[in-house]
Amino acid sequence: MPLAVYILGLSVFALGTSEFMLSGLLPPIADDMNVSIPRAGLLISAFAIGMVVGAPLLAVATLRLPRKTTLVTLISLFGLGQIAGALAPTYDILFASRVISALACAGFWAVGAAVAIAMVPFTSRARAMGVMIGGLSIANVLGVPAGAFLGEHLGWRSAFWAVAAASAIALAGVVTLIPRIPLPDEKPRLRRELSIYRDRQVWLSVAITALAAGGVFCAFSYLAPLLTDVSGLDAGWVPSVLALFGIGALIGTTVGGRVADAHLFGVLLSGITASTVLLAALALFAAGPAATVVLTLLLGFSAFFTAPALNARMFNVAGAAPTLAGATTTAAFNVGNTSGPWLGGTVIDADFGFASTAWAGAAMTIAALALVGISLRLHGRSRVIASSPRHETAEVSGTVPGVGVCRPTAD
């Protein structure tokens, strides 16, 4: 695996920490900004909305720009967004800073994913995405609990300052260690890239990704109040339980990334089924602290076990447009990250309680399973995604179909 892929994963750590850390900061933010917890939860949706809009928009806008320059610009803008959030005097300004940060994050994800995919053979796509998604997993293991700890002891704004510092480190890594990635010999054409949206498998992949992600984050976004108000744990336990989710996510990403290249649909079916069962169990046993802690660990595993497969599936069905494929996957995940917290906030506002978010999430993952079945039927009876002779040629030559020559060069 090229070093550049690991550098991208390291950069994603900063992005992921910012995206997910609010799940442990909602109570102090709500108190400081004088808003309800469901309204504070909309800050999570704000970030997700920015990702949904920003991924395809910035993918198109930067289609013919140098990849390294684009990555440097976007990670810089992201860091400035964290500073704006740390200094925000009102809820509205904090909301706006989350959207701006998300736009930069989305662009980085879309371009970074395309670069990672372009640098590996067809049969290692899920593994490459697993490395990038591993940055998210480590963010959940270290970054999110650290953010919750800082929020508990130094105020929620300190968590934003910490992410700004992590973004500066990521910027240094991108500048010094990411090689210059040349554009394809044939310049990308927007019309050809947009043609992927005529394929129903692309739209099925979008819907599956959104529902699978949304189901998990419908519950995860409100995990902190569920732990304190339903399970009866002290607020000091929240960072530790969030770290357990991250540990499960890291293990799930590692295992899923290694298995998905050979058994993509098997990973999707087993992982989403496991998430459904675990969400239902969380709804039923949320009052038991021990059960909630164990289920949180397992839910992290199941959610991120499927993530490399979801990413690889999109690149497989939209290989002719790698940049938009990465952008579309990013947008799909964040449609889920928008709709999930919104649905969770809706059931909380309807007085069903914090545990009801897990039932709502399970409903979303059941819908995702149904669509996986449809996609599998359209794909054919085989559950193994095998490389074709064309892809074997790509592996030998160091190119990816539709991308062109992507060997790194010196600046």
Protein backbone atom coordinates (compact mmCIF):
# COMPACT_ATOMS: atom_id res chain seq x y z
CA MET A 1 0.00 0.00 0.00
CA PRO A 2 1.55 3.38 -0.99
CA LEU A 3 2.63 5.69 1.84
CA ALA A 4 0.41 8.43 0.40
CA VAL A 5 -2.69 6.37 1.20
CA TYR A 6 -1.68 6.23 4.87
CA ILE A 7 -1.05 9.99 4.89
CA LEU A 8 -4.58 10.48 3.58
CA GLY A 9 -5.86 8.26 6.37
CA LEU A 10 -3.94 10.35 8.89
CA SER A 11 -5.52 13.52 7.50
CA VAL A 12 -8.96 11.94 7.71
CA PHE A 13 -8.35 11.53 11.45
CA ALA A 14 -8.66 15.31 11.89
CA LEU A 15 -11.70 15.47 9.62
CA GLY A 16 -13.42 12.58 11.38
CA THR A 17 -12.76 13.94 14.84
CA SER A 18 -14.54 17.16 13.95
CA GLU A 19 -17.41 15.35 12.26
CA PHE A 20 -18.18 12.95 15.10
CA MET A 21 -17.01 14.70 18.28
CA LEU A 22 -20.28 16.58 18.72
CA SER A 23 -21.95 13.34 19.84
CA GLY A 24 -20.06 13.82 23.13
CA LEU A 25 -20.44 17.61 23.28
CA LEU A 26 -24.16 18.14 22.75
CA PRO A 27 -25.10 18.77 26.42
CA PRO A 28 -22.46 21.47 27.09
CA ILE A 29 -23.06 23.12 23.70
CA ALA A 30 -26.82 23.15 24.33
CA ASP A 31 -26.30 24.71 27.77
CA ASP A 32 -23.81 27.33 26.56
CA MET A 33 -25.84 28.30 23.49
CA ASN A 34 -29.16 28.11 25.36
CA VAL A 35 -30.75 25.66 22.91
CA SER A 36 -32.34 22.22 23.30
CA ILE A 37 -30.32 19.04 22.79
CA PRO A 38 -32.26 18.17 19.59
CA ARG A 39 -31.46 21.64 18.22
CA ALA A 40 -27.82 21.22 19.20
CA GLY A 41 -28.00 17.88 17.37
CA LEU A 42 -28.75 19.82 14.19
CA LEU A 43 -25.11 20.91 14.26
CA ILE A 44 -24.32 17.31 13.34
CA SER A 45 -26.82 17.52 10.51
CA ALA A 46 -25.34 20.88 9.45
CA PHE A 47 -21.96 19.24 8.96
CA ALA A 48 -23.56 16.39 7.07
CA ILE A 49 -25.53 18.77 4.83
CA GLY A 50 -22.31 20.58 3.99
CA MET A 51 -20.75 17.23 3.09
CA VAL A 52 -23.71 16.28 0.89
CA VAL A 53 -23.59 19.55 -1.03
CA GLY A 54 -19.85 20.02 -1.00
CA ALA A 55 -18.71 16.59 -2.18
CA PRO A 56 -20.16 16.64 -5.72
CA LEU A 57 -19.88 20.44 -6.04
CA LEU A 58 -16.18 20.57 -5.20
CA ALA A 59 -15.48 17.38 -7.12
CA VAL A 60 -16.79 19.05 -10.27
CA ALA A 61 -15.13 22.41 -9.50
CA THR A 62 -11.71 20.80 -8.98
CA LEU A 63 -11.97 18.15 -11.69
CA ARG A 64 -9.09 19.62 -13.75
CA LEU A 65 -7.03 21.07 -10.90
CA PRO A 66 -3.82 19.49 -9.54
CA ARG A 67 -4.79 16.98 -6.88
CA LYS A 68 -2.14 17.87 -4.31
CA THR A 69 -2.88 21.60 -4.55
CA THR A 70 -6.57 20.86 -4.08
CA LEU A 71 -5.92 18.74 -0.98
CA VAL A 72 -3.67 21.43 0.56
CA THR A 73 -6.28 24.14 -0.05
CA LEU A 74 -9.15 22.13 1.38
CA ILE A 75 -7.39 20.98 4.56
CA SER A 76 -6.36 24.62 5.18
CA LEU A 77 -9.94 25.83 4.79
CA PHE A 78 -11.11 23.07 7.11
CA GLY A 79 -8.70 24.19 9.81
CA LEU A 80 -9.93 27.79 9.52
CA GLY A 81 -13.48 26.51 9.95
CA GLN A 82 -12.51 24.88 13.24
CA ILE A 83 -11.07 28.16 14.48
CA ALA A 84 -14.29 29.94 13.52
CA GLY A 85 -16.28 27.35 15.48
CA ALA A 86 -14.07 27.76 18.54
CA LEU A 87 -14.64 31.52 18.48
CA ALA A 88 -18.36 31.44 17.58
CA PRO A 89 -20.34 33.78 19.87
CA THR A 90 -23.78 32.51 18.80
CA TYR A 91 -25.46 29.30 17.72
CA ASP A 92 -26.05 30.64 14.19
CA ILE A 93 -22.35 31.41 13.67
CA LEU A 94 -21.40 28.00 15.05
CA PHE A 95 -23.90 26.44 12.64
CA ALA A 96 -22.38 28.34 9.72
CA SER A 97 -18.84 27.33 10.72
CA ARG A 98 -19.91 23.68 10.69
CA VAL A 99 -21.27 24.01 7.15
CA ILE A 100 -18.07 25.70 5.91
CA SER A 101 -15.89 23.07 7.57
CA ALA A 102 -18.02 20.35 6.06
CA LEU A 103 -17.66 21.76 2.54
CA ALA A 104 -13.88 21.57 2.87
CA CYS A 105 -14.07 18.14 4.46
CA ALA A 106 -16.28 16.86 1.65
CA GLY A 107 -13.95 18.09 -1.03
CA PHE A 108 -10.96 16.53 0.70
CA TRP A 109 -12.76 13.20 1.00
CA ALA A 110 -13.86 13.18 -2.64
CA VAL A 111 -10.45 14.07 -4.07
CA GLY A 112 -8.54 12.02 -1.50
CA ALA A 113 -10.62 8.91 -2.19
CA ALA A 114 -10.08 9.24 -5.93
CA VAL A 115 -6.33 9.61 -5.37
CA ALA A 116 -6.22 6.58 -3.07
CA ILE A 117 -8.18 4.42 -5.51
CA ALA A 118 -6.03 5.57 -8.43
CA MET A 119 -2.82 4.50 -6.70
CA VAL A 120 -3.76 0.86 -6.07
CA PRO A 121 -4.82 -2.08 -8.26
CA PHE A 122 -8.50 -2.89 -8.74
CA THR A 123 -8.32 -5.82 -6.32
CA SER A 124 -7.08 -3.58 -3.47
CA ARG A 125 -9.70 -0.85 -3.67
CA ALA A 126 -11.59 -1.85 -0.53
CA ARG A 127 -8.32 -2.17 1.38
CA ALA A 128 -7.21 1.31 0.28
CA MET A 129 -10.55 2.74 1.36
CA GLY A 130 -10.18 0.78 4.59
CA VAL A 131 -6.97 2.68 5.31
CA MET A 132 -8.70 6.02 4.76
CA ILE A 133 -11.74 4.97 6.76
CA GLY A 134 -9.30 3.77 9.40
CA GLY A 135 -8.61 7.44 10.00
CA LEU A 136 -12.26 7.80 10.98
CA SER A 137 -12.00 4.77 13.23
CA ILE A 138 -8.96 6.16 15.03
CA ALA A 139 -10.83 9.46 15.33
CA ASN A 140 -13.56 7.57 17.16
CA VAL A 141 -11.01 5.76 19.36
CA LEU A 142 -8.91 8.81 20.24
CA GLY A 143 -10.28 12.02 18.80
CA VAL A 144 -13.95 11.83 19.80
CA PRO A 145 -13.32 10.69 23.40
CA ALA A 146 -10.57 13.30 23.72
CA GLY A 147 -13.02 15.92 22.50
CA ALA A 148 -15.57 14.79 25.06
CA PHE A 149 -12.90 14.87 27.78
CA LEU A 150 -11.83 18.38 26.81
CA GLY A 151 -15.46 19.47 26.68
CA GLU A 152 -16.05 18.10 30.17
CA HIS A 153 -12.98 19.71 31.77
CA LEU A 154 -12.01 22.72 29.64
CA GLY A 155 -15.23 23.60 27.84
CA TRP A 156 -16.50 22.49 24.44
CA ARG A 157 -14.58 25.22 22.60
CA SER A 158 -11.29 23.60 23.59
CA ALA A 159 -12.25 20.58 21.48
CA PHE A 160 -12.52 22.79 18.41
CA TRP A 161 -9.11 24.30 19.12
CA ALA A 162 -7.65 20.80 19.41
CA VAL A 163 -9.05 19.82 16.00
CA ALA A 164 -7.64 23.03 14.52
CA ALA A 165 -4.20 21.96 15.81
CA ALA A 166 -4.68 18.46 14.36
CA SER A 167 -5.62 20.04 11.03
CA ALA A 168 -2.34 21.98 11.02
CA ILE A 169 -0.43 18.72 11.53
CA ALA A 170 -2.42 17.11 8.72
CA LEU A 171 -1.62 20.07 6.46
CA ALA A 172 2.09 19.60 7.13
CA GLY A 173 1.80 15.92 6.25
CA VAL A 174 -0.02 16.60 2.99
CA VAL A 175 2.46 19.30 1.95
CA THR A 176 5.57 17.29 2.71
CA LEU A 177 4.60 13.66 2.13
CA ILE A 178 1.84 13.48 -0.47
CA PRO A 179 3.48 13.23 -3.91
CA ARG A 180 2.22 15.23 -6.85
CA ILE A 181 -0.47 13.18 -8.57
CA PRO A 182 -0.56 14.00 -12.29
CA LEU A 183 -3.89 14.37 -14.01
CA PRO A 184 -4.84 11.71 -16.58
CA ASP A 185 -3.35 12.01 -20.06
CA GLU A 186 -6.89 12.58 -21.26
CA LYS A 187 -8.44 15.48 -19.35
CA PRO A 188 -11.55 14.55 -17.35
CA ARG A 189 -14.79 15.49 -19.06
CA LEU A 190 -17.74 16.50 -16.93
CA ARG A 191 -20.30 14.97 -19.29
CA ARG A 192 -18.62 11.57 -19.10
CA GLU A 193 -18.36 11.75 -15.32
CA LEU A 194 -22.03 12.71 -14.99
CA SER A 195 -23.04 9.73 -17.12
CA ILE A 196 -22.65 7.44 -14.08
CA TYR A 197 -25.97 8.77 -12.77
CA ARG A 198 -27.80 6.94 -15.53
CA ASP A 199 -26.92 3.62 -13.87
CA ARG A 200 -29.54 2.33 -11.42
CA GLN A 201 -26.84 0.44 -9.53
CA VAL A 202 -25.23 3.79 -8.70
CA TRP A 203 -28.48 5.05 -7.19
CA LEU A 204 -28.98 1.79 -5.32
CA SER A 205 -25.49 2.18 -3.87
CA VAL A 206 -26.32 5.75 -2.83
CA ALA A 207 -29.51 4.66 -1.07
CA ILE A 208 -27.88 1.67 0.64
CA THR A 209 -25.02 3.79 1.93
CA ALA A 210 -27.31 6.56 3.19
CA LEU A 211 -29.66 4.18 4.98
CA ALA A 212 -26.90 2.04 6.51
CA ALA A 213 -25.00 5.07 7.80
CA GLY A 214 -28.13 6.92 8.86
CA GLY A 215 -29.42 4.00 10.87
CA VAL A 216 -26.30 3.81 13.01
CA PHE A 217 -25.90 7.56 13.48
CA CYS A 218 -29.56 8.01 14.30
CA ALA A 219 -28.68 6.35 17.62
CA PHE A 220 -24.98 7.27 17.91
CA SER A 221 -25.63 11.02 17.61
CA TYR A 222 -27.62 10.92 20.86
CA LEU A 223 -25.46 8.38 22.66
CA ALA A 224 -24.24 10.83 25.32
CA PRO A 225 -27.72 11.71 26.68
CA LEU A 226 -28.79 8.06 26.33
CA LEU A 227 -25.85 6.97 28.49
CA THR A 228 -26.54 9.54 31.20
CA ASP A 229 -30.34 9.80 31.18
CA VAL A 230 -31.36 6.23 30.29
CA SER A 231 -28.47 3.97 31.28
CA GLY A 232 -27.74 6.02 34.39
CA LEU A 233 -24.01 6.42 33.82
CA ASP A 234 -22.10 9.42 35.10
CA ALA A 235 -21.12 11.97 32.44
CA GLY A 236 -17.48 11.08 33.05
CA TRP A 237 -18.11 7.68 31.46
CA VAL A 238 -19.13 9.18 28.11
CA PRO A 239 -15.60 9.57 26.66
CA SER A 240 -14.74 5.97 27.57
CA VAL A 241 -17.86 4.55 25.95
CA LEU A 242 -17.29 6.65 22.85
CA ALA A 243 -13.75 5.23 22.74
CA LEU A 244 -15.22 1.72 22.81
CA PHE A 245 -17.32 2.57 19.76
CA GLY A 246 -14.13 3.74 18.09
CA ILE A 247 -12.25 0.56 19.02
CA GLY A 248 -15.05 -1.48 17.49
CA ALA A 249 -14.94 0.76 14.43
CA LEU A 250 -11.18 0.33 14.02
CA ILE A 251 -11.43 -3.46 14.23
CA GLY A 252 -14.43 -3.48 11.89
CA THR A 253 -12.66 -1.32 9.31
CA THR A 254 -9.58 -3.53 9.38
CA VAL A 255 -11.52 -6.77 8.98
CA GLY A 256 -14.02 -5.36 6.49
CA GLY A 257 -11.31 -3.82 4.33
CA ARG A 258 -9.51 -7.15 4.00
CA VAL A 259 -12.62 -9.23 3.30
CA ALA A 260 -14.70 -6.92 1.11
CA ASP A 261 -12.53 -7.09 -2.02
CA ALA A 262 -13.36 -10.80 -2.34
CA HIS A 263 -16.84 -10.98 -0.73
CA LEU A 264 -18.37 -7.56 -1.17
CA PHE A 265 -22.06 -8.49 -0.97
CA GLY A 266 -21.38 -10.93 1.86
CA VAL A 267 -19.88 -8.09 3.88
CA LEU A 268 -22.81 -5.79 3.11
CA LEU A 269 -25.46 -8.33 4.04
CA SER A 270 -23.80 -9.59 7.23
CA GLY A 271 -22.68 -6.15 8.43
CA ILE A 272 -25.99 -4.35 7.95
CA THR A 273 -27.90 -7.29 9.44
CA ALA A 274 -25.65 -7.15 12.50
CA SER A 275 -26.24 -3.39 12.84
CA THR A 276 -30.00 -3.95 12.71
CA VAL A 277 -29.91 -6.59 15.45
CA LEU A 278 -27.61 -4.49 17.63
CA LEU A 279 -29.77 -1.37 17.29
CA ALA A 280 -32.86 -3.33 18.30
CA ALA A 281 -30.97 -4.75 21.28
CA LEU A 282 -29.84 -1.26 22.27
CA ALA A 283 -33.44 -0.03 22.23
CA LEU A 284 -34.53 -2.96 24.40
CA PHE A 285 -31.67 -2.97 26.92
CA ALA A 286 -30.62 0.70 27.08
CA ALA A 287 -31.58 0.87 30.77
CA GLY A 288 -28.77 -1.57 31.60
CA PRO A 289 -25.38 0.19 31.71
CA ALA A 290 -23.33 -2.96 31.02
CA ALA A 291 -25.51 -3.94 28.07
CA THR A 292 -25.32 -0.45 26.58
CA VAL A 293 -21.53 -0.37 26.82
CA VAL A 294 -21.12 -3.78 25.15
CA LEU A 295 -23.65 -2.97 22.42
CA THR A 296 -21.87 0.31 21.68
CA LEU A 297 -18.61 -1.56 21.05
CA LEU A 298 -20.32 -4.09 18.78
CA LEU A 299 -22.24 -1.39 16.91
CA GLY A 300 -18.98 0.38 16.11
CA PHE A 301 -17.66 -2.87 14.66
CA SER A 302 -20.72 -3.62 12.51
CA ALA A 303 -21.06 -0.07 11.18
CA PHE A 304 -17.44 0.24 10.05
CA PHE A 305 -17.18 -3.39 8.92
CA THR A 306 -19.46 -2.45 6.03
CA ALA A 307 -17.87 0.94 5.25
CA PRO A 308 -15.03 -0.28 2.96
CA ALA A 309 -17.52 -2.43 1.01
CA LEU A 310 -19.91 0.49 0.59
CA ASN A 311 -17.08 2.65 -0.77
CA ALA A 312 -15.67 -0.06 -3.02
CA ARG A 313 -19.10 -0.88 -4.44
CA MET A 314 -19.56 2.69 -5.64
CA PHE A 315 -16.15 2.73 -7.34
CA ASN A 316 -16.94 -0.62 -8.96
CA VAL A 317 -20.22 0.55 -10.50
CA ALA A 318 -18.96 4.05 -11.35
CA GLY A 319 -15.38 3.28 -12.39
CA ALA A 320 -15.55 5.54 -15.44
CA ALA A 321 -15.90 8.58 -13.16
CA PRO A 322 -13.62 8.05 -10.15
CA THR A 323 -13.76 11.60 -8.80
CA LEU A 324 -17.53 11.79 -8.88
CA ALA A 325 -17.71 8.23 -7.54
CA GLY A 326 -15.77 9.33 -4.47
CA ALA A 327 -17.88 12.46 -4.16
CA THR A 328 -21.11 10.52 -4.53
CA THR A 329 -20.10 8.04 -1.83
CA THR A 330 -19.17 10.91 0.49
CA ALA A 331 -22.50 12.59 -0.19
CA ALA A 332 -24.40 9.34 0.35
CA PHE A 333 -22.78 8.71 3.73
CA ASN A 334 -23.67 12.21 4.79
CA VAL A 335 -27.23 12.01 3.56
CA GLY A 336 -27.39 9.28 6.17
CA ASN A 337 -25.53 11.40 8.71
CA THR A 338 -28.10 14.16 8.08
CA SER A 339 -31.27 12.10 8.04
CA GLY A 340 -30.23 9.87 10.95
CA PRO A 341 -29.75 12.64 13.56
CA TRP A 342 -32.83 14.45 12.19
CA LEU A 343 -34.96 11.33 12.60
CA GLY A 344 -33.49 10.76 16.04
CA GLY A 345 -34.27 14.32 17.08
CA THR A 346 -37.81 13.94 15.73
CA VAL A 347 -38.59 10.88 17.85
CA ILE A 348 -37.04 12.56 20.90
CA ASP A 349 -39.17 15.68 20.35
CA ALA A 350 -42.20 13.37 20.09
CA ASP A 351 -41.43 12.22 23.67
CA PHE A 352 -40.52 8.66 22.74
CA GLY A 353 -37.27 8.96 24.68
CA PHE A 354 -33.59 8.65 23.81
CA ALA A 355 -33.76 4.85 23.46
CA SER A 356 -36.29 5.25 20.64
CA THR A 357 -33.51 6.56 18.39
CA ALA A 358 -32.21 2.99 18.18
CA TRP A 359 -35.60 1.70 16.97
CA ALA A 360 -35.70 4.43 14.33
CA GLY A 361 -32.16 3.52 13.27
CA ALA A 362 -33.08 -0.16 12.97
CA ALA A 363 -35.91 0.78 10.62
CA MET A 364 -33.41 2.54 8.36
CA THR A 365 -31.00 -0.41 8.28
CA ILE A 366 -33.84 -2.82 7.47
CA ALA A 367 -34.60 -0.67 4.42
CA ALA A 368 -30.89 -0.78 3.51
CA LEU A 369 -30.93 -4.58 3.66
CA ALA A 370 -33.87 -4.74 1.28
CA LEU A 371 -32.00 -2.58 -1.24
CA VAL A 372 -28.86 -4.72 -0.93
CA GLY A 373 -31.01 -7.69 -1.92
CA ILE A 374 -32.26 -5.83 -4.99
CA SER A 375 -28.74 -4.75 -5.95
CA LEU A 376 -27.45 -8.30 -5.56
CA ARG A 377 -30.23 -9.65 -7.76
CA LEU A 378 -29.41 -7.11 -10.46
CA HIS A 379 -25.69 -7.79 -10.17
CA GLY A 380 -26.08 -11.54 -10.65
CA ARG A 381 -25.92 -14.64 -8.54
CA SER A 382 -22.23 -14.39 -7.68
CA ARG A 383 -21.37 -12.70 -4.40
CA VAL A 384 -17.72 -12.36 -5.35
CA ILE A 385 -16.46 -9.31 -7.17
CA ALA A 386 -13.67 -10.60 -9.39
CA SER A 387 -11.29 -8.53 -11.43
CA SER A 388 -11.53 -8.77 -15.19
CA PRO A 389 -8.57 -9.11 -17.57
CA ARG A 390 -8.84 -5.39 -18.16
CA HIS A 391 -8.38 -4.83 -14.45
CA GLU A 392 -5.45 -7.23 -14.33
CA THR A 393 -3.79 -5.03 -16.95
CA ALA A 394 -4.51 -2.00 -14.82
CA GLU A 395 -2.85 -3.69 -11.86
CA VAL A 396 0.33 -4.43 -13.80
CA SER A 397 0.62 -1.02 -15.41
CA GLY A 398 -0.21 0.95 -12.27
CA THR A 399 -3.29 2.55 -13.79
CA VAL A 400 -6.96 2.45 -13.00
CA PRO A 401 -9.54 2.30 -15.80
CA GLY A 402 -10.98 5.75 -16.38
CA VAL A 403 -8.21 7.44 -14.42
CA GLY A 404 -5.10 7.19 -16.55
CA VAL A 405 -1.51 7.09 -15.37
CA CYS A 406 -1.41 7.92 -11.67
CA ARG A 407 2.12 7.17 -10.59
CA PRO A 408 3.30 9.76 -8.08
CA THR A 409 6.01 12.13 -9.24
CA ALA A 410 8.23 14.60 -7.51
CA ASP A 411 7.13 18.20 -7.27
